[in-house]
Amino acid sequence: VAAIFSGGTTNYASSVKCRFTASRDAAKNTVYLQ
């Protein structure tokens, strides 16, 4: 569905692009899918 690389680049499946957003909080070692 979505990927976030160590450098911060993100990729999305075409079916979710513009609706889903991947992000991360390094202090919490957590990634999010909005």
All heavy atoms as atom14 arrays in JSON, in Angstrom:
{
  "sequence": "VAAIFSGGTTNYASSVKCRFTASRDAAKNTVYLQ",
  "atom14_mask": [
    [1, 1, 1, 1, 1, 1, 1, 0, 0, 0, 0, 0, 0, 0],
    [1, 1, 1, 1, 1, 0, 0, 0, 0, 0, 0, 0, 0, 0],
    [1, 1, 1, 1, 1, 0, 0, 0, 0, 0, 0, 0, 0, 0],
    [1, 1, 1, 1, 1, 1, 1, 1, 0, 0, 0, 0, 0, 0],
    [1, 1, 1, 1, 1, 1, 1, 1, 1, 1, 1, 0, 0, 0],
    [1, 1, 1, 1, 1, 1, 0, 0, 0, 0, 0, 0, 0, 0],
    [1, 1, 1, 1, 0, 0, 0, 0, 0, 0, 0, 0, 0, 0],
    [1, 1, 1, 1, 0, 0, 0, 0, 0, 0, 0, 0, 0, 0],
    [1, 1, 1, 1, 1, 1, 1, 0, 0, 0, 0, 0, 0, 0],
    [1, 1, 1, 1, 1, 1, 1, 0, 0, 0, 0, 0, 0, 0],
    [1, 1, 1, 1, 1, 1, 1, 1, 0, 0, 0, 0, 0, 0],
    [1, 1, 1, 1, 1, 1, 1, 1, 1, 1, 1, 1, 0, 0],
    [1, 1, 1, 1, 1, 0, 0, 0, 0, 0, 0, 0, 0, 0],
    [1, 1, 1, 1, 1, 1, 0, 0, 0, 0, 0, 0, 0, 0],
    [1, 1, 1, 1, 1, 1, 0, 0, 0, 0, 0, 0, 0, 0],
    [1, 1, 1, 1, 1, 1, 1, 0, 0, 0, 0, 0, 0, 0],
    [1, 1, 1, 1, 1, 1, 1, 1, 1, 0, 0, 0, 0, 0],
    [1, 1, 1, 1, 1, 1, 0, 0, 0, 0, 0, 0, 0, 0],
    [1, 1, 1, 1, 1, 1, 1, 1, 1, 1, 1, 0, 0, 0],
    [1, 1, 1, 1, 1, 1, 1, 1, 1, 1, 1, 0, 0, 0],
    [1, 1, 1, 1, 1, 1, 1, 0, 0, 0, 0, 0, 0, 0],
    [1, 1, 1, 1, 1, 0, 0, 0, 0, 0, 0, 0, 0, 0],
    [1, 1, 1, 1, 1, 1, 0, 0, 0, 0, 0, 0, 0, 0],
    [1, 1, 1, 1, 1, 1, 1, 1, 1, 1, 1, 0, 0, 0],
    [1, 1, 1, 1, 1, 1, 1, 1, 0, 0, 0, 0, 0, 0],
    [1, 1, 1, 1, 1, 0, 0, 0, 0, 0, 0, 0, 0, 0],
    [1, 1, 1, 1, 1, 0, 0, 0, 0, 0, 0, 0, 0, 0],
    [1, 1, 1, 1, 1, 1, 1, 1, 1, 0, 0, 0, 0, 0],
    [1, 1, 1, 1, 1, 1, 1, 1, 0, 0, 0, 0, 0, 0],
    [1, 1, 1, 1, 1, 1, 1, 0, 0, 0, 0, 0, 0, 0],
    [1, 1, 1, 1, 1, 1, 1, 0, 0, 0, 0, 0, 0, 0],
    [1, 1, 1, 1, 1, 1, 1, 1, 1, 1, 1, 1, 0, 0],
    [1, 1, 1, 1, 1, 1, 1, 1, 0, 0, 0, 0, 0, 0],
    [1, 1, 1, 1, 1, 1, 1, 1, 1, 0, 0, 0, 0, 0]
  ],
  "atom14_positions": [
    [[0.83, -1.2, 0.0], [0.0, 0.0, 0.0], [0.87, 1.26, 0.0], [0.64, 2.18, -0.78], [-0.93, 0.0, 1.22], [-1.7, 1.32, 1.33], [-1.89, -1.17, 1.17], [0.0, 0.0, 0.0], [0.0, 0.0, 0.0], [0.0, 0.0, 0.0], [0.0, 0.0, 0.0], [0.0, 0.0, 0.0], [0.0, 0.0, 0.0], [0.0, 0.0, 0.0]],
    [[1.85, 1.28, 0.88], [2.7, 2.46, 1.02], [4.04, 2.04, 1.59], [4.12, 1.05, 2.34], [2.04, 3.5, 1.93], [0.0, 0.0, 0.0], [0.0, 0.0, 0.0], [0.0, 0.0, 0.0], [0.0, 0.0, 0.0], [0.0, 0.0, 0.0], [0.0, 0.0, 0.0], [0.0, 0.0, 0.0], [0.0, 0.0, 0.0], [0.0, 0.0, 0.0]],
    [[5.07, 2.78, 1.25], [6.41, 2.51, 1.77], [7.1, 3.82, 2.07], [6.87, 4.83, 1.38], [7.23, 1.69, 0.77], [0.0, 0.0, 0.0], [0.0, 0.0, 0.0], [0.0, 0.0, 0.0], [0.0, 0.0, 0.0], [0.0, 0.0, 0.0], [0.0, 0.0, 0.0], [0.0, 0.0, 0.0], [0.0, 0.0, 0.0], [0.0, 0.0, 0.0]],
    [[7.93, 3.78, 3.11], [8.75, 4.95, 3.43], [10.16, 4.45, 3.65], [10.41, 3.52, 4.42], [8.18, 5.7, 4.65], [8.99, 6.96, 4.94], [8.08, 4.81, 5.89], [8.28, 7.94, 5.87], [0.0, 0.0, 0.0], [0.0, 0.0, 0.0], [0.0, 0.0, 0.0], [0.0, 0.0, 0.0], [0.0, 0.0, 0.0], [0.0, 0.0, 0.0]],
    [[11.1, 5.05, 2.92], [12.48, 4.61, 2.94], [13.27, 5.38, 4.01], [12.82, 6.42, 4.49], [13.1, 4.79, 1.56], [12.49, 3.89, 0.53], [11.31, 4.23, -0.12], [13.08, 2.68, 0.21], [10.74, 3.39, -1.07], [12.53, 1.83, -0.73], [11.34, 2.2, -1.37], [0.0, 0.0, 0.0], [0.0, 0.0, 0.0], [0.0, 0.0, 0.0]],
    [[14.44, 4.86, 4.32], [15.23, 5.46, 5.4], [15.55, 6.93, 5.12], [15.67, 7.73, 6.04], [16.51, 4.66, 5.63], [17.26, 4.57, 4.44], [0.0, 0.0, 0.0], [0.0, 0.0, 0.0], [0.0, 0.0, 0.0], [0.0, 0.0, 0.0], [0.0, 0.0, 0.0], [0.0, 0.0, 0.0], [0.0, 0.0, 0.0], [0.0, 0.0, 0.0]],
    [[15.69, 7.28, 3.84], [15.97, 8.67, 3.5], [14.75, 9.56, 3.51], [14.87, 10.78, 3.34], [0.0, 0.0, 0.0], [0.0, 0.0, 0.0], [0.0, 0.0, 0.0], [0.0, 0.0, 0.0], [0.0, 0.0, 0.0], [0.0, 0.0, 0.0], [0.0, 0.0, 0.0], [0.0, 0.0, 0.0], [0.0, 0.0, 0.0], [0.0, 0.0, 0.0]],
    [[13.57, 8.96, 3.68], [12.34, 9.75, 3.76], [11.46, 9.68, 2.53], [10.32, 10.16, 2.55], [0.0, 0.0, 0.0], [0.0, 0.0, 0.0], [0.0, 0.0, 0.0], [0.0, 0.0, 0.0], [0.0, 0.0, 0.0], [0.0, 0.0, 0.0], [0.0, 0.0, 0.0], [0.0, 0.0, 0.0], [0.0, 0.0, 0.0], [0.0, 0.0, 0.0]],
    [[11.95, 9.1, 1.45], [11.13, 8.96, 0.25], [9.94, 8.03, 0.52], [10.06, 7.06, 1.26], [11.96, 8.37, -0.9], [13.1, 9.2, -1.12], [11.15, 8.3, -2.19], [0.0, 0.0, 0.0], [0.0, 0.0, 0.0], [0.0, 0.0, 0.0], [0.0, 0.0, 0.0], [0.0, 0.0, 0.0], [0.0, 0.0, 0.0], [0.0, 0.0, 0.0]],
    [[8.81, 8.38, -0.09], [7.62, 7.55, 0.07], [7.12, 7.08, -1.29], [7.29, 7.77, -2.31], [6.49, 8.31, 0.78], [6.25, 9.54, 0.09], [6.88, 8.61, 2.22], [0.0, 0.0, 0.0], [0.0, 0.0, 0.0], [0.0, 0.0, 0.0], [0.0, 0.0, 0.0], [0.0, 0.0, 0.0], [0.0, 0.0, 0.0], [0.0, 0.0, 0.0]],
    [[6.49, 5.92, -1.31], [5.83, 5.39, -2.5], [4.45, 4.91, -2.09], [4.24, 4.45, -0.97], [6.61, 4.19, -3.06], [7.84, 4.62, -3.82], [7.95, 5.77, -4.24], [8.76, 3.7, -4.0], [0.0, 0.0, 0.0], [0.0, 0.0, 0.0], [0.0, 0.0, 0.0], [0.0, 0.0, 0.0], [0.0, 0.0, 0.0], [0.0, 0.0, 0.0]],
    [[3.52, 4.98, -3.04], [2.15, 4.58, -2.76], [1.59, 3.77, -3.92], [1.93, 4.0, -5.08], [1.25, 5.8, -2.54], [1.68, 6.66, -1.39], [2.5, 7.77, -1.59], [1.29, 6.36, -0.08], [2.91, 8.55, -0.53], [1.7, 7.14, 0.98], [2.51, 8.23, 0.75], [2.91, 9.0, 1.81], [0.0, 0.0, 0.0], [0.0, 0.0, 0.0]],
    [[0.71, 2.83, -3.59], [-0.05, 2.15, -4.63], [-0.98, 3.17, -5.29], [-1.46, 4.1, -4.64], [-0.86, 1.01, -4.02], [0.0, 0.0, 0.0], [0.0, 0.0, 0.0], [0.0, 0.0, 0.0], [0.0, 0.0, 0.0], [0.0, 0.0, 0.0], [0.0, 0.0, 0.0], [0.0, 0.0, 0.0], [0.0, 0.0, 0.0], [0.0, 0.0, 0.0]],
    [[-1.24, 2.98, -6.56], [-2.06, 3.95, -7.29], [-3.47, 4.04, -6.69], [-4.1, 5.09, -6.74], [-2.14, 3.58, -8.77], [-2.65, 2.26, -8.92], [0.0, 0.0, 0.0], [0.0, 0.0, 0.0], [0.0, 0.0, 0.0], [0.0, 0.0, 0.0], [0.0, 0.0, 0.0], [0.0, 0.0, 0.0], [0.0, 0.0, 0.0], [0.0, 0.0, 0.0]],
    [[-3.94, 2.95, -6.1], [-5.3, 2.92, -5.56], [-5.46, 3.78, -4.31], [-6.59, 4.11, -3.92], [-5.72, 1.49, -5.25], [-4.83, 0.9, -4.31], [0.0, 0.0, 0.0], [0.0, 0.0, 0.0], [0.0, 0.0, 0.0], [0.0, 0.0, 0.0], [0.0, 0.0, 0.0], [0.0, 0.0, 0.0], [0.0, 0.0, 0.0], [0.0, 0.0, 0.0]],
    [[-4.35, 4.14, -3.67], [-4.44, 4.92, -2.43], [-3.76, 6.27, -2.53], [-3.83, 7.07, -1.58], [-3.85, 4.13, -1.23], [-4.48, 2.76, -1.12], [-2.34, 4.04, -1.3], [0.0, 0.0, 0.0], [0.0, 0.0, 0.0], [0.0, 0.0, 0.0], [0.0, 0.0, 0.0], [0.0, 0.0, 0.0], [0.0, 0.0, 0.0], [0.0, 0.0, 0.0]],
    [[-3.1, 6.54, -3.65], [-2.38, 7.8, -3.8], [-3.35, 8.97, -3.62], [-4.48, 8.93, -4.1], [-1.72, 7.84, -5.17], [-0.56, 8.8, -5.29], [0.18, 8.61, -6.61], [0.97, 7.32, -6.61], [1.82, 7.18, -7.81], [0.0, 0.0, 0.0], [0.0, 0.0, 0.0], [0.0, 0.0, 0.0], [0.0, 0.0, 0.0], [0.0, 0.0, 0.0]],
    [[-2.88, 9.98, -2.92], [-3.66, 11.18, -2.62], [-4.68, 10.96, -1.5], [-5.35, 11.91, -1.08], [-4.39, 11.74, -3.84], [-3.3, 12.24, -5.17], [0.0, 0.0, 0.0], [0.0, 0.0, 0.0], [0.0, 0.0, 0.0], [0.0, 0.0, 0.0], [0.0, 0.0, 0.0], [0.0, 0.0, 0.0], [0.0, 0.0, 0.0], [0.0, 0.0, 0.0]],
    [[-4.82, 9.72, -1.02], [-5.71, 9.47, 0.12], [-4.94, 9.0, 1.35], [-5.33, 9.32, 2.48], [-6.75, 8.39, -0.24], [-7.69, 8.79, -1.37], [-8.84, 7.79, -1.51], [-8.37, 6.44, -1.84], [-8.64, 5.36, -1.09], [-9.36, 5.47, 0.01], [-8.2, 4.18, -1.47], [0.0, 0.0, 0.0], [0.0, 0.0, 0.0], [0.0, 0.0, 0.0]],
    [[-3.87, 8.26, 1.13], [-3.08, 7.72, 2.23], [-1.74, 8.46, 2.31], [-1.17, 8.81, 1.27], [-2.81, 6.23, 2.03], [-4.01, 5.33, 2.18], [-5.31, 5.83, 2.25], [-3.83, 3.95, 2.26], [-6.4, 4.99, 2.38], [-4.91, 3.09, 2.39], [-6.2, 3.61, 2.45], [0.0, 0.0, 0.0], [0.0, 0.0, 0.0], [0.0, 0.0, 0.0]],
    [[-1.23, 8.62, 3.52], [0.06, 9.26, 3.72], [0.86, 8.48, 4.76], [0.36, 8.23, 5.87], [-0.1, 10.7, 4.2], [-0.87, 11.44, 3.24], [1.26, 11.37, 4.35], [0.0, 0.0, 0.0], [0.0, 0.0, 0.0], [0.0, 0.0, 0.0], [0.0, 0.0, 0.0], [0.0, 0.0, 0.0], [0.0, 0.0, 0.0], [0.0, 0.0, 0.0]],
    [[2.08, 8.1, 4.4], [3.0, 7.45, 5.33], [3.91, 8.5, 5.93], [4.39, 9.4, 5.23], [3.82, 6.39, 4.6], [0.0, 0.0, 0.0], [0.0, 0.0, 0.0], [0.0, 0.0, 0.0], [0.0, 0.0, 0.0], [0.0, 0.0, 0.0], [0.0, 0.0, 0.0], [0.0, 0.0, 0.0], [0.0, 0.0, 0.0], [0.0, 0.0, 0.0]],
    [[4.13, 8.4, 7.23], [5.01, 9.34, 7.91], [5.73, 8.61, 9.04], [5.45, 7.44, 9.3], [4.23, 10.54, 8.45], [3.28, 10.11, 9.42], [0.0, 0.0, 0.0], [0.0, 0.0, 0.0], [0.0, 0.0, 0.0], [0.0, 0.0, 0.0], [0.0, 0.0, 0.0], [0.0, 0.0, 0.0], [0.0, 0.0, 0.0], [0.0, 0.0, 0.0]],
    [[6.64, 9.31, 9.71], [7.38, 8.64, 10.77], [7.74, 9.63, 11.88], [7.85, 10.83, 11.63], [8.65, 8.01, 10.21], [9.59, 9.0, 9.56], [10.72, 8.3, 8.84], [11.62, 9.27, 8.22], [12.69, 8.93, 7.51], [12.99, 7.65, 7.33], [13.47, 9.86, 6.99], [0.0, 0.0, 0.0], [0.0, 0.0, 0.0], [0.0, 0.0, 0.0]],
    [[7.92, 9.06, 13.05], [8.38, 9.82, 14.21], [9.59, 9.07, 14.75], [9.45, 8.05, 15.43], [7.26, 9.92, 15.25], [7.65, 10.77, 16.45], [8.86, 10.95, 16.7], [6.74, 11.27, 17.13], [0.0, 0.0, 0.0], [0.0, 0.0, 0.0], [0.0, 0.0, 0.0], [0.0, 0.0, 0.0], [0.0, 0.0, 0.0], [0.0, 0.0, 0.0]],
    [[10.78, 9.57, 14.44], [12.01, 8.86, 14.81], [12.18, 8.77, 16.32], [12.7, 7.78, 16.83], [13.22, 9.55, 14.18], [0.0, 0.0, 0.0], [0.0, 0.0, 0.0], [0.0, 0.0, 0.0], [0.0, 0.0, 0.0], [0.0, 0.0, 0.0], [0.0, 0.0, 0.0], [0.0, 0.0, 0.0], [0.0, 0.0, 0.0], [0.0, 0.0, 0.0]],
    [[11.72, 9.77, 17.03], [11.87, 9.76, 18.49], [11.08, 8.62, 19.13], [11.43, 8.12, 20.19], [11.42, 11.1, 19.07], [0.0, 0.0, 0.0], [0.0, 0.0, 0.0], [0.0, 0.0, 0.0], [0.0, 0.0, 0.0], [0.0, 0.0, 0.0], [0.0, 0.0, 0.0], [0.0, 0.0, 0.0], [0.0, 0.0, 0.0], [0.0, 0.0, 0.0]],
    [[10.0, 8.21, 18.45], [9.16, 7.13, 18.97], [9.38, 5.82, 18.22], [8.71, 4.83, 18.51], [7.68, 7.52, 18.86], [7.3, 8.71, 19.71], [5.81, 9.02, 19.56], [5.43, 10.21, 20.44], [3.99, 10.55, 20.3], [0.0, 0.0, 0.0], [0.0, 0.0, 0.0], [0.0, 0.0, 0.0], [0.0, 0.0, 0.0], [0.0, 0.0, 0.0]],
    [[10.31, 5.82, 17.24], [10.53, 4.63, 16.41], [9.22, 4.1, 15.84], [8.96, 2.9, 15.84], [11.24, 3.52, 17.2], [12.69, 3.85, 17.44], [13.32, 4.57, 16.66], [13.23, 3.36, 18.54], [0.0, 0.0, 0.0], [0.0, 0.0, 0.0], [0.0, 0.0, 0.0], [0.0, 0.0, 0.0], [0.0, 0.0, 0.0], [0.0, 0.0, 0.0]],
    [[8.42, 5.02, 15.37], [7.08, 4.67, 14.91], [6.82, 5.26, 13.53], [7.19, 6.4, 13.26], [6.03, 5.18, 15.91], [6.23, 4.56, 17.17], [4.61, 4.85, 15.43], [0.0, 0.0, 0.0], [0.0, 0.0, 0.0], [0.0, 0.0, 0.0], [0.0, 0.0, 0.0], [0.0, 0.0, 0.0], [0.0, 0.0, 0.0], [0.0, 0.0, 0.0]],
    [[6.21, 4.47, 12.68], [5.73, 4.97, 11.4], [4.21, 4.94, 11.44], [3.61, 4.17, 12.18], [6.25, 4.15, 10.21], [7.77, 4.3, 10.1], [5.85, 2.7, 10.32], [0.0, 0.0, 0.0], [0.0, 0.0, 0.0], [0.0, 0.0, 0.0], [0.0, 0.0, 0.0], [0.0, 0.0, 0.0], [0.0, 0.0, 0.0], [0.0, 0.0, 0.0]],
    [[3.63, 5.8, 10.63], [2.18, 5.95, 10.62], [1.65, 5.83, 9.2], [2.32, 6.23, 8.24], [1.77, 7.31, 11.18], [2.25, 7.56, 12.59], [3.45, 8.22, 12.82], [1.49, 7.15, 13.69], [3.89, 8.46, 14.11], [1.92, 7.39, 14.98], [3.12, 8.03, 15.18], [3.55, 8.28, 16.48], [0.0, 0.0, 0.0], [0.0, 0.0, 0.0]],
    [[0.45, 5.31, 9.09], [-0.27, 5.35, 7.83], [-1.57, 6.11, 8.1], [-2.47, 5.6, 8.77], [-0.57, 3.95, 7.3], [-1.24, 3.91, 5.94], [-0.29, 4.45, 4.86], [-1.69, 2.5, 5.57], [0.0, 0.0, 0.0], [0.0, 0.0, 0.0], [0.0, 0.0, 0.0], [0.0, 0.0, 0.0], [0.0, 0.0, 0.0], [0.0, 0.0, 0.0]],
    [[-1.62, 7.32, 7.6], [-2.84, 8.12, 7.71], [-3.71, 7.81, 6.5], [-3.28, 8.0, 5.36], [-2.5, 9.61, 7.75], [-3.73, 10.51, 7.8], [-4.52, 10.38, 9.08], [-3.94, 10.36, 10.16], [-5.85, 10.3, 8.97], [0.0, 0.0, 0.0], [0.0, 0.0, 0.0], [0.0, 0.0, 0.0], [0.0, 0.0, 0.0], [0.0, 0.0, 0.0]]
  ]
}
